Amino acid sequence: MSQITIALSKGRIFEETTPLLEAAGIVPLEAPESSRKLILPTNRDDVRLIIVRATDVPTYVQNGAADLGIAGKDVLYEHDGSGLYQPLDLKIAKCKMMVAVREGFDYFGSVRSGARLKVATKYVKTAREHFANKGMHVDLIKLYGSMELAPLVGLADAIVDLVSTGGTLRANHLVAVEDVMPISSRLVVNQASLKLKHAKIQPIIDSFAAVVAQQD
């Protein structure tokens, strides 16, 4: 029996993926938030879930350790998932990647004057391309968390980060000044798996697609 492995990350993506899995007849037998296991069984003997960091999902799928996975557009863009088959925008875990600055900072005046800004982000590739397309010269500072702190302590003039409700920005006296790109989660599939396990993988893709279509 060939087994199908699906890579997921904990939190919002897992929660919003649950209805998609159920539509495909896949139900986790344990909840990832309460289980310490990294490999979760499902009601189907031929399907298992693996729990990995969101940023690692494309790596597991691209290298064949997982047959399918679900990852945000932000993660896929940074990963350069050109070798991954991305059949579906699942339209879940939606947010925006944006440029934000501290309240009172004249971002657009700085842009017009040609100032070289310091920008903190963990999305270095995305930020570099965004500012290059605007003809701006920036110094990028790689951070892995607490992005909102950087402008407040003088480490950076601006940040590039994901924004959902904007509550964290407001709480830290920051304002979003520019959209970079809309973000949602995508289904990614290992290309070799799709060929070798097509009879099992294609129905999962089709079930996911049907749920997405109902949302339109």
N, C-alpha and C. Protein backbone atom coordinates (compact mmCIF):
# COMPACT_ATOMS: atom_id res chain seq x y z
N MET A 1 0.84 -1.20 0.00
CA MET A 1 0.00 0.00 0.00
C MET A 1 0.87 1.25 0.00
N SER A 2 0.74 2.09 -1.02
CA SER A 2 1.49 3.34 -1.06
C SER A 2 0.81 4.37 -0.18
N GLN A 3 1.59 5.00 0.68
CA GLN A 3 1.03 5.94 1.63
C GLN A 3 1.19 7.37 1.14
N ILE A 4 0.19 8.19 1.43
CA ILE A 4 0.23 9.60 1.08
C ILE A 4 0.59 10.40 2.34
N THR A 5 1.59 11.25 2.22
CA THR A 5 2.02 12.09 3.34
C THR A 5 1.72 13.55 3.01
N ILE A 6 1.02 14.21 3.93
CA ILE A 6 0.64 15.62 3.75
C ILE A 6 1.34 16.45 4.82
N ALA A 7 2.10 17.45 4.41
CA ALA A 7 2.83 18.32 5.34
C ALA A 7 2.00 19.55 5.68
N LEU A 8 1.82 19.78 6.97
CA LEU A 8 1.04 20.93 7.45
C LEU A 8 1.78 21.59 8.60
N SER A 9 1.44 22.84 8.86
CA SER A 9 1.98 23.53 10.03
C SER A 9 0.85 23.79 11.02
N LYS A 10 1.23 23.93 12.29
CA LYS A 10 0.23 24.17 13.32
C LYS A 10 -0.38 25.56 13.17
N GLY A 11 -1.48 25.77 13.88
CA GLY A 11 -2.08 27.10 13.94
C GLY A 11 -3.15 27.32 12.90
N ARG A 12 -3.19 28.55 12.40
CA ARG A 12 -4.29 28.98 11.54
C ARG A 12 -4.42 28.14 10.28
N ILE A 13 -3.28 27.82 9.66
CA ILE A 13 -3.35 27.04 8.42
C ILE A 13 -3.95 25.67 8.68
N PHE A 14 -3.54 25.01 9.76
CA PHE A 14 -4.08 23.69 10.07
C PHE A 14 -5.58 23.78 10.33
N GLU A 15 -5.99 24.77 11.11
CA GLU A 15 -7.41 24.92 11.44
C GLU A 15 -8.25 25.14 10.18
N GLU A 16 -7.77 25.98 9.28
CA GLU A 16 -8.55 26.30 8.09
C GLU A 16 -8.44 25.20 7.03
N THR A 17 -7.48 24.29 7.21
CA THR A 17 -7.34 23.16 6.29
C THR A 17 -8.29 22.02 6.65
N THR A 18 -8.71 21.97 7.91
CA THR A 18 -9.53 20.86 8.38
C THR A 18 -10.76 20.59 7.51
N PRO A 19 -11.54 21.63 7.11
CA PRO A 19 -12.69 21.36 6.23
C PRO A 19 -12.29 20.79 4.87
N LEU A 20 -11.13 21.19 4.39
CA LEU A 20 -10.64 20.66 3.11
C LEU A 20 -10.31 19.18 3.24
N LEU A 21 -9.64 18.84 4.34
CA LEU A 21 -9.30 17.43 4.57
C LEU A 21 -10.57 16.59 4.71
N GLU A 22 -11.54 17.11 5.46
CA GLU A 22 -12.79 16.37 5.66
C GLU A 22 -13.51 16.13 4.35
N ALA A 23 -13.44 17.13 3.44
CA ALA A 23 -14.08 16.96 2.13
C ALA A 23 -13.43 15.84 1.34
N ALA A 24 -12.14 15.62 1.62
CA ALA A 24 -11.42 14.53 0.94
C ALA A 24 -11.50 13.23 1.72
N GLY A 25 -12.32 13.22 2.79
CA GLY A 25 -12.48 12.01 3.58
C GLY A 25 -11.31 11.72 4.49
N ILE A 26 -10.58 12.78 4.88
CA ILE A 26 -9.39 12.62 5.72
C ILE A 26 -9.63 13.33 7.06
N VAL A 27 -9.58 12.59 8.15
CA VAL A 27 -9.80 13.16 9.48
C VAL A 27 -8.62 12.79 10.38
N PRO A 28 -7.89 13.79 10.90
CA PRO A 28 -6.78 13.49 11.83
C PRO A 28 -7.32 12.79 13.07
N LEU A 29 -6.60 11.79 13.56
CA LEU A 29 -7.03 11.07 14.76
C LEU A 29 -6.53 11.75 16.02
N GLU A 30 -5.63 12.72 15.86
CA GLU A 30 -5.14 13.50 16.99
C GLU A 30 -5.03 14.96 16.58
N ALA A 31 -5.23 15.85 17.54
CA ALA A 31 -5.10 17.28 17.26
C ALA A 31 -3.64 17.70 17.43
N PRO A 32 -3.08 18.43 16.48
CA PRO A 32 -1.66 18.80 16.58
C PRO A 32 -1.37 19.72 17.75
N GLU A 33 -2.35 20.51 18.19
CA GLU A 33 -2.11 21.45 19.28
C GLU A 33 -1.97 20.73 20.62
N SER A 34 -2.60 19.56 20.74
CA SER A 34 -2.55 18.84 22.02
C SER A 34 -1.63 17.63 21.98
N SER A 35 -1.22 17.23 20.78
CA SER A 35 -0.34 16.06 20.65
C SER A 35 1.11 16.50 20.51
N ARG A 36 2.00 15.72 21.07
CA ARG A 36 3.43 15.99 20.89
C ARG A 36 4.00 15.28 19.66
N LYS A 37 3.16 14.47 19.03
CA LYS A 37 3.62 13.72 17.87
C LYS A 37 3.80 14.63 16.66
N LEU A 38 4.79 14.33 15.86
CA LEU A 38 5.04 15.08 14.62
C LEU A 38 4.50 14.35 13.41
N ILE A 39 4.15 13.09 13.58
CA ILE A 39 3.47 12.32 12.53
C ILE A 39 2.12 11.91 13.08
N LEU A 40 1.05 12.41 12.46
CA LEU A 40 -0.30 12.15 12.97
C LEU A 40 -1.03 11.17 12.06
N PRO A 41 -1.60 10.13 12.62
CA PRO A 41 -2.41 9.21 11.82
C PRO A 41 -3.75 9.84 11.49
N THR A 42 -4.39 9.32 10.48
CA THR A 42 -5.74 9.77 10.11
C THR A 42 -6.67 8.55 10.08
N ASN A 43 -7.92 8.81 9.77
CA ASN A 43 -8.88 7.72 9.67
C ASN A 43 -8.62 6.82 8.46
N ARG A 44 -7.72 7.26 7.59
CA ARG A 44 -7.34 6.45 6.43
C ARG A 44 -5.95 5.88 6.64
N ASP A 45 -5.82 4.57 6.55
CA ASP A 45 -4.53 3.93 6.76
C ASP A 45 -3.49 4.37 5.74
N ASP A 46 -3.95 4.86 4.60
CA ASP A 46 -3.02 5.22 3.53
C ASP A 46 -2.69 6.72 3.52
N VAL A 47 -3.14 7.47 4.52
CA VAL A 47 -2.85 8.91 4.57
C VAL A 47 -2.35 9.27 5.98
N ARG A 48 -1.24 9.97 6.04
CA ARG A 48 -0.75 10.47 7.32
C ARG A 48 -0.41 11.96 7.16
N LEU A 49 -0.40 12.65 8.28
CA LEU A 49 -0.03 14.06 8.30
C LEU A 49 1.29 14.22 9.03
N ILE A 50 2.15 15.09 8.55
CA ILE A 50 3.35 15.43 9.30
C ILE A 50 3.28 16.92 9.65
N ILE A 51 3.70 17.24 10.86
CA ILE A 51 3.63 18.60 11.37
C ILE A 51 5.02 19.22 11.33
N VAL A 52 5.19 20.26 10.53
CA VAL A 52 6.49 20.90 10.36
C VAL A 52 6.32 22.42 10.46
N ARG A 53 7.42 23.11 10.58
CA ARG A 53 7.37 24.57 10.56
C ARG A 53 6.84 25.04 9.22
N ALA A 54 6.09 26.12 9.23
CA ALA A 54 5.48 26.63 7.99
C ALA A 54 6.53 26.85 6.91
N THR A 55 7.68 27.38 7.30
CA THR A 55 8.73 27.68 6.32
C THR A 55 9.38 26.42 5.74
N ASP A 56 9.16 25.27 6.40
CA ASP A 56 9.78 24.04 5.93
C ASP A 56 8.87 23.21 5.03
N VAL A 57 7.59 23.56 4.95
CA VAL A 57 6.65 22.77 4.14
C VAL A 57 7.15 22.60 2.70
N PRO A 58 7.54 23.68 2.00
CA PRO A 58 7.99 23.49 0.61
C PRO A 58 9.20 22.57 0.50
N THR A 59 10.09 22.62 1.47
CA THR A 59 11.29 21.78 1.43
C THR A 59 10.93 20.30 1.54
N TYR A 60 10.03 19.97 2.47
CA TYR A 60 9.60 18.58 2.62
C TYR A 60 8.93 18.07 1.34
N VAL A 61 8.10 18.90 0.74
CA VAL A 61 7.39 18.47 -0.47
C VAL A 61 8.33 18.40 -1.66
N GLN A 62 9.16 19.40 -1.82
CA GLN A 62 10.04 19.43 -2.99
C GLN A 62 11.02 18.26 -2.99
N ASN A 63 11.43 17.83 -1.79
CA ASN A 63 12.39 16.74 -1.70
C ASN A 63 11.75 15.36 -1.53
N GLY A 64 10.43 15.32 -1.61
CA GLY A 64 9.75 14.03 -1.61
C GLY A 64 9.49 13.41 -0.26
N ALA A 65 9.80 14.13 0.83
CA ALA A 65 9.49 13.61 2.16
C ALA A 65 7.99 13.72 2.44
N ALA A 66 7.32 14.58 1.72
CA ALA A 66 5.86 14.68 1.75
C ALA A 66 5.37 14.74 0.31
N ASP A 67 4.19 14.17 0.08
CA ASP A 67 3.62 14.18 -1.27
C ASP A 67 2.89 15.48 -1.56
N LEU A 68 2.22 15.99 -0.53
CA LEU A 68 1.48 17.25 -0.65
C LEU A 68 1.78 18.10 0.58
N GLY A 69 1.49 19.38 0.45
CA GLY A 69 1.63 20.27 1.60
C GLY A 69 0.80 21.51 1.37
N ILE A 70 0.63 22.28 2.42
CA ILE A 70 -0.08 23.55 2.32
C ILE A 70 0.81 24.63 2.91
N ALA A 71 1.07 25.66 2.12
CA ALA A 71 1.99 26.72 2.53
C ALA A 71 1.50 28.06 2.03
N GLY A 72 1.81 29.09 2.76
CA GLY A 72 1.44 30.44 2.37
C GLY A 72 2.24 30.93 1.18
N LYS A 73 1.64 31.83 0.43
CA LYS A 73 2.33 32.41 -0.72
C LYS A 73 3.62 33.09 -0.30
N ASP A 74 3.63 33.67 0.91
CA ASP A 74 4.84 34.33 1.41
C ASP A 74 5.99 33.34 1.52
N VAL A 75 5.70 32.17 2.08
CA VAL A 75 6.72 31.13 2.25
C VAL A 75 7.19 30.61 0.90
N LEU A 76 6.25 30.36 -0.01
CA LEU A 76 6.59 29.81 -1.32
C LEU A 76 7.43 30.79 -2.14
N TYR A 77 7.11 32.07 -2.02
CA TYR A 77 7.85 33.08 -2.78
C TYR A 77 9.30 33.15 -2.29
N GLU A 78 9.48 33.12 -0.98
CA GLU A 78 10.83 33.16 -0.43
C GLU A 78 11.60 31.88 -0.75
N HIS A 79 10.89 30.77 -0.77
CA HIS A 79 11.52 29.47 -1.03
C HIS A 79 11.91 29.31 -2.49
N ASP A 80 11.27 30.07 -3.35
CA ASP A 80 11.42 29.90 -4.80
C ASP A 80 10.94 28.49 -5.18
N GLY A 81 9.66 28.26 -4.97
CA GLY A 81 9.10 26.94 -5.20
C GLY A 81 8.86 26.63 -6.66
N SER A 82 9.80 26.97 -7.51
CA SER A 82 9.61 26.76 -8.95
C SER A 82 9.53 25.28 -9.30
N GLY A 83 10.12 24.41 -8.46
CA GLY A 83 10.07 22.98 -8.75
C GLY A 83 8.85 22.30 -8.18
N LEU A 84 7.96 23.07 -7.59
CA LEU A 84 6.76 22.51 -6.97
C LEU A 84 5.55 22.73 -7.88
N TYR A 85 4.70 21.73 -7.93
CA TYR A 85 3.43 21.88 -8.63
C TYR A 85 2.46 22.55 -7.66
N GLN A 86 1.88 23.68 -8.09
CA GLN A 86 0.97 24.44 -7.23
C GLN A 86 -0.39 24.52 -7.92
N PRO A 87 -1.21 23.48 -7.78
CA PRO A 87 -2.45 23.42 -8.54
C PRO A 87 -3.56 24.32 -8.02
N LEU A 88 -3.50 24.71 -6.73
CA LEU A 88 -4.65 25.42 -6.16
C LEU A 88 -4.24 26.54 -5.21
N ASP A 89 -4.88 27.69 -5.38
CA ASP A 89 -4.92 28.70 -4.33
C ASP A 89 -6.11 28.33 -3.45
N LEU A 90 -5.85 27.93 -2.22
CA LEU A 90 -6.91 27.44 -1.35
C LEU A 90 -7.72 28.57 -0.73
N LYS A 91 -7.23 29.79 -0.86
CA LYS A 91 -7.95 30.98 -0.39
C LYS A 91 -8.24 30.92 1.11
N ILE A 92 -7.28 30.34 1.86
CA ILE A 92 -7.37 30.32 3.32
C ILE A 92 -6.17 31.06 3.91
N ALA A 93 -6.26 31.36 5.21
CA ALA A 93 -5.19 32.08 5.91
C ALA A 93 -4.82 33.36 5.16
N LYS A 94 -5.84 34.11 4.77
CA LYS A 94 -5.60 35.32 3.99
C LYS A 94 -5.07 36.47 4.85
N CYS A 95 -4.17 37.22 4.29
CA CYS A 95 -3.66 38.44 4.91
C CYS A 95 -2.93 39.23 3.82
N LYS A 96 -2.21 40.25 4.22
CA LYS A 96 -1.43 41.04 3.26
C LYS A 96 0.00 41.19 3.75
N MET A 97 0.93 41.20 2.82
CA MET A 97 2.28 41.62 3.15
C MET A 97 2.36 43.11 2.88
N MET A 98 2.85 43.86 3.88
CA MET A 98 2.81 45.31 3.78
C MET A 98 4.10 45.93 4.30
N VAL A 99 4.33 47.16 3.89
CA VAL A 99 5.38 47.99 4.47
C VAL A 99 4.75 48.81 5.58
N ALA A 100 5.39 48.83 6.74
CA ALA A 100 4.88 49.61 7.87
C ALA A 100 6.02 50.43 8.49
N VAL A 101 5.65 51.57 9.05
CA VAL A 101 6.62 52.47 9.69
C VAL A 101 6.02 52.95 11.02
N ARG A 102 6.85 53.55 11.85
CA ARG A 102 6.33 54.10 13.10
C ARG A 102 5.47 55.33 12.80
N GLU A 103 4.53 55.57 13.67
CA GLU A 103 3.66 56.74 13.51
C GLU A 103 4.50 58.02 13.43
N GLY A 104 4.16 58.87 12.47
CA GLY A 104 4.86 60.14 12.34
C GLY A 104 6.04 60.12 11.38
N PHE A 105 6.45 58.93 10.95
CA PHE A 105 7.57 58.84 10.00
C PHE A 105 7.06 59.14 8.60
N ASP A 106 7.71 60.07 7.92
CA ASP A 106 7.27 60.49 6.58
C ASP A 106 7.85 59.54 5.53
N TYR A 107 7.19 58.41 5.36
CA TYR A 107 7.69 57.38 4.44
C TYR A 107 7.70 57.89 3.00
N PHE A 108 6.58 58.46 2.57
CA PHE A 108 6.49 58.88 1.17
C PHE A 108 7.41 60.06 0.87
N GLY A 109 7.61 60.93 1.85
CA GLY A 109 8.57 62.02 1.68
C GLY A 109 9.98 61.46 1.52
N SER A 110 10.30 60.44 2.29
CA SER A 110 11.62 59.81 2.20
C SER A 110 11.80 59.15 0.84
N VAL A 111 10.72 58.53 0.35
CA VAL A 111 10.79 57.88 -0.97
C VAL A 111 11.03 58.92 -2.05
N ARG A 112 10.27 60.02 -1.98
CA ARG A 112 10.41 61.08 -3.01
C ARG A 112 11.80 61.70 -3.00
N SER A 113 12.39 61.81 -1.82
CA SER A 113 13.71 62.45 -1.73
C SER A 113 14.85 61.51 -2.07
N GLY A 114 14.51 60.24 -2.28
CA GLY A 114 15.54 59.26 -2.63
C GLY A 114 16.36 58.77 -1.46
N ALA A 115 15.83 58.93 -0.25
CA ALA A 115 16.55 58.49 0.94
C ALA A 115 16.75 56.97 0.92
N ARG A 116 17.87 56.54 1.45
CA ARG A 116 18.15 55.11 1.55
C ARG A 116 17.63 54.62 2.91
N LEU A 117 16.59 53.81 2.88
CA LEU A 117 15.94 53.39 4.11
C LEU A 117 16.49 52.04 4.59
N LYS A 118 16.45 51.88 5.90
CA LYS A 118 16.76 50.59 6.50
C LYS A 118 15.44 49.85 6.72
N VAL A 119 15.36 48.63 6.21
CA VAL A 119 14.10 47.87 6.26
C VAL A 119 14.36 46.52 6.93
N ALA A 120 13.62 46.24 7.99
CA ALA A 120 13.74 44.96 8.69
C ALA A 120 12.65 44.01 8.21
N THR A 121 13.01 42.77 7.97
CA THR A 121 12.03 41.78 7.50
C THR A 121 12.62 40.39 7.55
N LYS A 122 11.75 39.38 7.59
CA LYS A 122 12.23 38.02 7.37
C LYS A 122 11.98 37.60 5.93
N TYR A 123 11.30 38.47 5.17
CA TYR A 123 10.99 38.19 3.77
C TYR A 123 11.95 38.98 2.88
N VAL A 124 13.20 38.59 2.93
CA VAL A 124 14.25 39.39 2.29
C VAL A 124 14.10 39.41 0.77
N LYS A 125 13.87 38.26 0.17
CA LYS A 125 13.74 38.20 -1.29
C LYS A 125 12.55 39.05 -1.75
N THR A 126 11.40 38.88 -1.10
CA THR A 126 10.20 39.62 -1.47
C THR A 126 10.41 41.12 -1.32
N ALA A 127 10.99 41.52 -0.19
CA ALA A 127 11.23 42.95 0.06
C ALA A 127 12.21 43.52 -0.96
N ARG A 128 13.27 42.78 -1.25
CA ARG A 128 14.27 43.27 -2.21
C ARG A 128 13.63 43.54 -3.57
N GLU A 129 12.80 42.62 -4.02
CA GLU A 129 12.16 42.78 -5.34
C GLU A 129 11.14 43.91 -5.31
N HIS A 130 10.41 44.03 -4.20
CA HIS A 130 9.41 45.10 -4.10
C HIS A 130 10.06 46.47 -4.24
N PHE A 131 11.12 46.70 -3.47
CA PHE A 131 11.75 48.02 -3.50
C PHE A 131 12.54 48.25 -4.79
N ALA A 132 13.10 47.18 -5.35
CA ALA A 132 13.81 47.31 -6.63
C ALA A 132 12.84 47.74 -7.73
N ASN A 133 11.63 47.18 -7.70
CA ASN A 133 10.62 47.55 -8.70
C ASN A 133 10.19 49.00 -8.57
N LYS A 134 10.34 49.56 -7.38
CA LYS A 134 10.01 50.96 -7.15
C LYS A 134 11.22 51.87 -7.39
N GLY A 135 12.36 51.26 -7.71
CA GLY A 135 13.57 52.04 -7.93
C GLY A 135 14.17 52.58 -6.65
N MET A 136 13.86 51.94 -5.53
CA MET A 136 14.37 52.40 -4.23
C MET A 136 15.60 51.61 -3.82
N HIS A 137 16.53 52.29 -3.19
CA HIS A 137 17.70 51.64 -2.61
C HIS A 137 17.47 51.51 -1.12
N VAL A 138 17.52 50.28 -0.62
CA VAL A 138 17.28 50.04 0.80
C VAL A 138 18.36 49.11 1.35
N ASP A 139 18.56 49.20 2.64
CA ASP A 139 19.42 48.27 3.35
C ASP A 139 18.51 47.30 4.09
N LEU A 140 18.56 46.02 3.74
CA LEU A 140 17.68 45.03 4.34
C LEU A 140 18.33 44.39 5.56
N ILE A 141 17.56 44.29 6.63
CA ILE A 141 18.02 43.68 7.86
C ILE A 141 17.17 42.45 8.12
N LYS A 142 17.80 41.29 8.16
CA LYS A 142 17.06 40.04 8.35
C LYS A 142 16.73 39.84 9.82
N LEU A 143 15.45 39.71 10.11
CA LEU A 143 14.99 39.37 11.46
C LEU A 143 14.08 38.15 11.37
N TYR A 144 13.92 37.47 12.49
CA TYR A 144 13.09 36.26 12.50
C TYR A 144 11.82 36.42 13.32
N GLY A 145 11.68 37.53 14.03
CA GLY A 145 10.49 37.76 14.83
C GLY A 145 10.52 39.13 15.47
N SER A 146 9.42 39.47 16.15
CA SER A 146 9.30 40.78 16.82
C SER A 146 9.65 41.92 15.87
N MET A 147 9.15 41.81 14.65
CA MET A 147 9.49 42.78 13.61
C MET A 147 9.11 44.21 14.00
N GLU A 148 7.98 44.34 14.73
CA GLU A 148 7.46 45.67 15.06
C GLU A 148 8.41 46.45 15.94
N LEU A 149 9.30 45.76 16.62
CA LEU A 149 10.23 46.43 17.53
C LEU A 149 11.28 47.25 16.78
N ALA A 150 11.65 46.81 15.60
CA ALA A 150 12.78 47.40 14.88
C ALA A 150 12.66 48.91 14.66
N PRO A 151 11.52 49.43 14.18
CA PRO A 151 11.43 50.88 14.00
C PRO A 151 11.37 51.64 15.34
N LEU A 152 10.89 50.98 16.38
CA LEU A 152 10.71 51.66 17.66
C LEU A 152 12.03 51.91 18.38
N VAL A 153 13.04 51.08 18.11
CA VAL A 153 14.34 51.23 18.78
C VAL A 153 15.42 51.73 17.84
N GLY A 154 15.02 52.12 16.62
CA GLY A 154 15.98 52.71 15.69
C GLY A 154 16.77 51.73 14.86
N LEU A 155 16.42 50.45 14.93
CA LEU A 155 17.14 49.47 14.11
C LEU A 155 16.80 49.64 12.64
N ALA A 156 15.55 50.02 12.36
CA ALA A 156 15.11 50.16 10.97
C ALA A 156 14.13 51.32 10.84
N ASP A 157 14.02 51.84 9.62
CA ASP A 157 13.03 52.88 9.33
C ASP A 157 11.67 52.28 9.04
N ALA A 158 11.68 51.06 8.50
CA ALA A 158 10.44 50.41 8.07
C ALA A 158 10.57 48.91 8.24
N ILE A 159 9.43 48.24 8.19
CA ILE A 159 9.42 46.78 8.18
C ILE A 159 8.57 46.29 7.02
N VAL A 160 8.84 45.08 6.60
CA VAL A 160 7.96 44.39 5.65
C VAL A 160 7.51 43.12 6.36
N ASP A 161 6.20 43.01 6.57
CA ASP A 161 5.69 41.89 7.34
C ASP A 161 4.25 41.59 6.95
N LEU A 162 3.75 40.46 7.44
CA LEU A 162 2.36 40.08 7.20
C LEU A 162 1.44 40.86 8.13
N VAL A 163 0.33 41.33 7.59
CA VAL A 163 -0.65 42.08 8.38
C VAL A 163 -2.02 41.44 8.16
N SER A 164 -2.67 41.09 9.25
CA SER A 164 -4.00 40.51 9.16
C SER A 164 -5.03 41.56 9.55
N THR A 165 -5.18 41.82 10.84
CA THR A 165 -6.15 42.83 11.29
C THR A 165 -5.50 44.19 11.50
N GLY A 166 -4.19 44.22 11.63
CA GLY A 166 -3.49 45.48 11.92
C GLY A 166 -3.40 45.79 13.40
N GLY A 167 -3.95 44.91 14.24
CA GLY A 167 -3.96 45.17 15.67
C GLY A 167 -2.58 45.25 16.29
N THR A 168 -1.67 44.40 15.86
CA THR A 168 -0.31 44.41 16.40
C THR A 168 0.41 45.69 16.01
N LEU A 169 0.19 46.15 14.79
CA LEU A 169 0.80 47.42 14.37
C LEU A 169 0.30 48.56 15.25
N ARG A 170 -1.00 48.65 15.42
CA ARG A 170 -1.57 49.75 16.22
C ARG A 170 -1.08 49.71 17.65
N ALA A 171 -0.98 48.50 18.21
CA ALA A 171 -0.53 48.37 19.60
C ALA A 171 0.90 48.85 19.78
N ASN A 172 1.67 48.81 18.70
CA ASN A 172 3.08 49.23 18.77
C ASN A 172 3.32 50.56 18.05
N HIS A 173 2.24 51.31 17.81
CA HIS A 173 2.32 52.65 17.22
C HIS A 173 3.00 52.65 15.85
N LEU A 174 2.63 51.65 15.06
CA LEU A 174 3.08 51.57 13.68
C LEU A 174 1.89 51.71 12.75
N VAL A 175 2.16 52.13 11.52
CA VAL A 175 1.10 52.25 10.52
C VAL A 175 1.55 51.58 9.22
N ALA A 176 0.63 50.89 8.57
CA ALA A 176 0.91 50.30 7.26
C ALA A 176 0.84 51.39 6.21
N VAL A 177 1.84 51.46 5.35
CA VAL A 177 1.89 52.54 4.37
C VAL A 177 1.86 52.05 2.93
N GLU A 178 2.06 50.75 2.72
CA GLU A 178 2.15 50.27 1.33
C GLU A 178 1.89 48.77 1.27
N ASP A 179 1.08 48.36 0.30
CA ASP A 179 0.86 46.93 0.06
C ASP A 179 2.03 46.36 -0.73
N VAL A 180 2.45 45.17 -0.37
CA VAL A 180 3.47 44.46 -1.14
C VAL A 180 2.79 43.38 -1.99
N MET A 181 1.99 42.52 -1.35
CA MET A 181 1.23 41.51 -2.10
C MET A 181 0.17 40.89 -1.19
N PRO A 182 -0.94 40.43 -1.78
CA PRO A 182 -1.92 39.67 -1.00
C PRO A 182 -1.38 38.26 -0.76
N ILE A 183 -1.71 37.72 0.40
CA ILE A 183 -1.21 36.41 0.77
C ILE A 183 -2.38 35.46 1.06
N SER A 184 -2.26 34.24 0.60
CA SER A 184 -3.17 33.16 0.98
C SER A 184 -2.37 31.87 0.88
N SER A 185 -2.96 30.77 1.33
CA SER A 185 -2.24 29.50 1.32
C SER A 185 -2.52 28.71 0.06
N ARG A 186 -1.49 28.02 -0.40
CA ARG A 186 -1.57 27.22 -1.62
C ARG A 186 -1.37 25.74 -1.33
N LEU A 187 -1.96 24.90 -2.15
CA LEU A 187 -1.65 23.48 -2.14
C LEU A 187 -0.43 23.26 -3.01
N VAL A 188 0.55 22.55 -2.48
CA VAL A 188 1.75 22.22 -3.26
C VAL A 188 1.89 20.71 -3.33
N VAL A 189 2.36 20.24 -4.46
CA VAL A 189 2.43 18.80 -4.70
C VAL A 189 3.79 18.44 -5.27
N ASN A 190 4.36 17.36 -4.78
CA ASN A 190 5.59 16.85 -5.35
C ASN A 190 5.30 16.28 -6.74
N GLN A 191 6.05 16.72 -7.71
CA GLN A 191 5.74 16.35 -9.10
C GLN A 191 5.91 14.86 -9.35
N ALA A 192 6.93 14.25 -8.75
CA ALA A 192 7.13 12.80 -8.93
C ALA A 192 5.99 12.03 -8.27
N SER A 193 5.57 12.48 -7.09
CA SER A 193 4.47 11.80 -6.39
C SER A 193 3.19 11.84 -7.21
N LEU A 194 2.95 12.99 -7.86
CA LEU A 194 1.73 13.13 -8.65
C LEU A 194 1.68 12.09 -9.77
N LYS A 195 2.84 11.77 -10.32
CA LYS A 195 2.89 10.76 -11.39
C LYS A 195 2.77 9.35 -10.82
N LEU A 196 3.52 9.08 -9.75
CA LEU A 196 3.58 7.72 -9.22
C LEU A 196 2.36 7.34 -8.40
N LYS A 197 1.74 8.34 -7.76
CA LYS A 197 0.59 8.07 -6.89
C LYS A 197 -0.65 8.83 -7.37
N HIS A 198 -0.76 9.00 -8.66
CA HIS A 198 -1.80 9.84 -9.24
C HIS A 198 -3.20 9.40 -8.82
N ALA A 199 -3.44 8.11 -8.77
CA ALA A 199 -4.78 7.60 -8.46
C ALA A 199 -5.23 8.00 -7.06
N LYS A 200 -4.29 8.24 -6.16
CA LYS A 200 -4.64 8.62 -4.79
C LYS A 200 -4.58 10.13 -4.58
N ILE A 201 -3.64 10.78 -5.25
CA ILE A 201 -3.44 12.22 -5.03
C ILE A 201 -4.48 13.05 -5.77
N GLN A 202 -4.80 12.69 -7.00
CA GLN A 202 -5.73 13.51 -7.80
C GLN A 202 -7.10 13.67 -7.13
N PRO A 203 -7.67 12.61 -6.54
CA PRO A 203 -8.95 12.80 -5.85
C PRO A 203 -8.87 13.80 -4.69
N ILE A 204 -7.74 13.84 -4.01
CA ILE A 204 -7.56 14.81 -2.92
C ILE A 204 -7.55 16.23 -3.49
N ILE A 205 -6.81 16.41 -4.58
CA ILE A 205 -6.77 17.72 -5.23
C ILE A 205 -8.17 18.13 -5.69
N ASP A 206 -8.89 17.19 -6.29
CA ASP A 206 -10.24 17.48 -6.79
C ASP A 206 -11.19 17.84 -5.65
N SER A 207 -11.07 17.15 -4.52
CA SER A 207 -11.93 17.46 -3.37
C SER A 207 -11.64 18.84 -2.83
N PHE A 208 -10.37 19.19 -2.73
CA PHE A 208 -9.98 20.53 -2.28
C PHE A 208 -10.53 21.59 -3.23
N ALA A 209 -10.40 21.31 -4.53
CA ALA A 209 -10.85 22.28 -5.54
C ALA A 209 -12.36 22.51 -5.46
N ALA A 210 -13.11 21.45 -5.16
CA ALA A 210 -14.56 21.58 -5.04
C ALA A 210 -14.95 22.49 -3.88
N VAL A 211 -14.23 22.35 -2.77
CA VAL A 211 -14.51 23.20 -1.61
C VAL A 211 -14.18 24.66 -1.94
N VAL A 212 -13.05 24.88 -2.57
CA VAL A 212 -12.64 26.24 -2.95
C VAL A 212 -13.67 26.87 -3.90
N ALA A 213 -14.13 26.07 -4.84
CA ALA A 213 -15.11 26.57 -5.82
C ALA A 213 -16.41 26.99 -5.15
N GLN A 214 -16.80 26.30 -4.10
CA GLN A 214 -18.03 26.65 -3.38
C GLN A 214 -17.91 27.99 -2.66
N GLN A 215 -16.67 28.42 -2.38
CA GLN A 215 -16.45 29.67 -1.67
C GLN A 215 -16.53 30.88 -2.60
N ASP A 216 -16.39 30.65 -3.88
CA ASP A 216 -16.40 31.77 -4.85
C ASP A 216 -17.80 32.32 -5.06
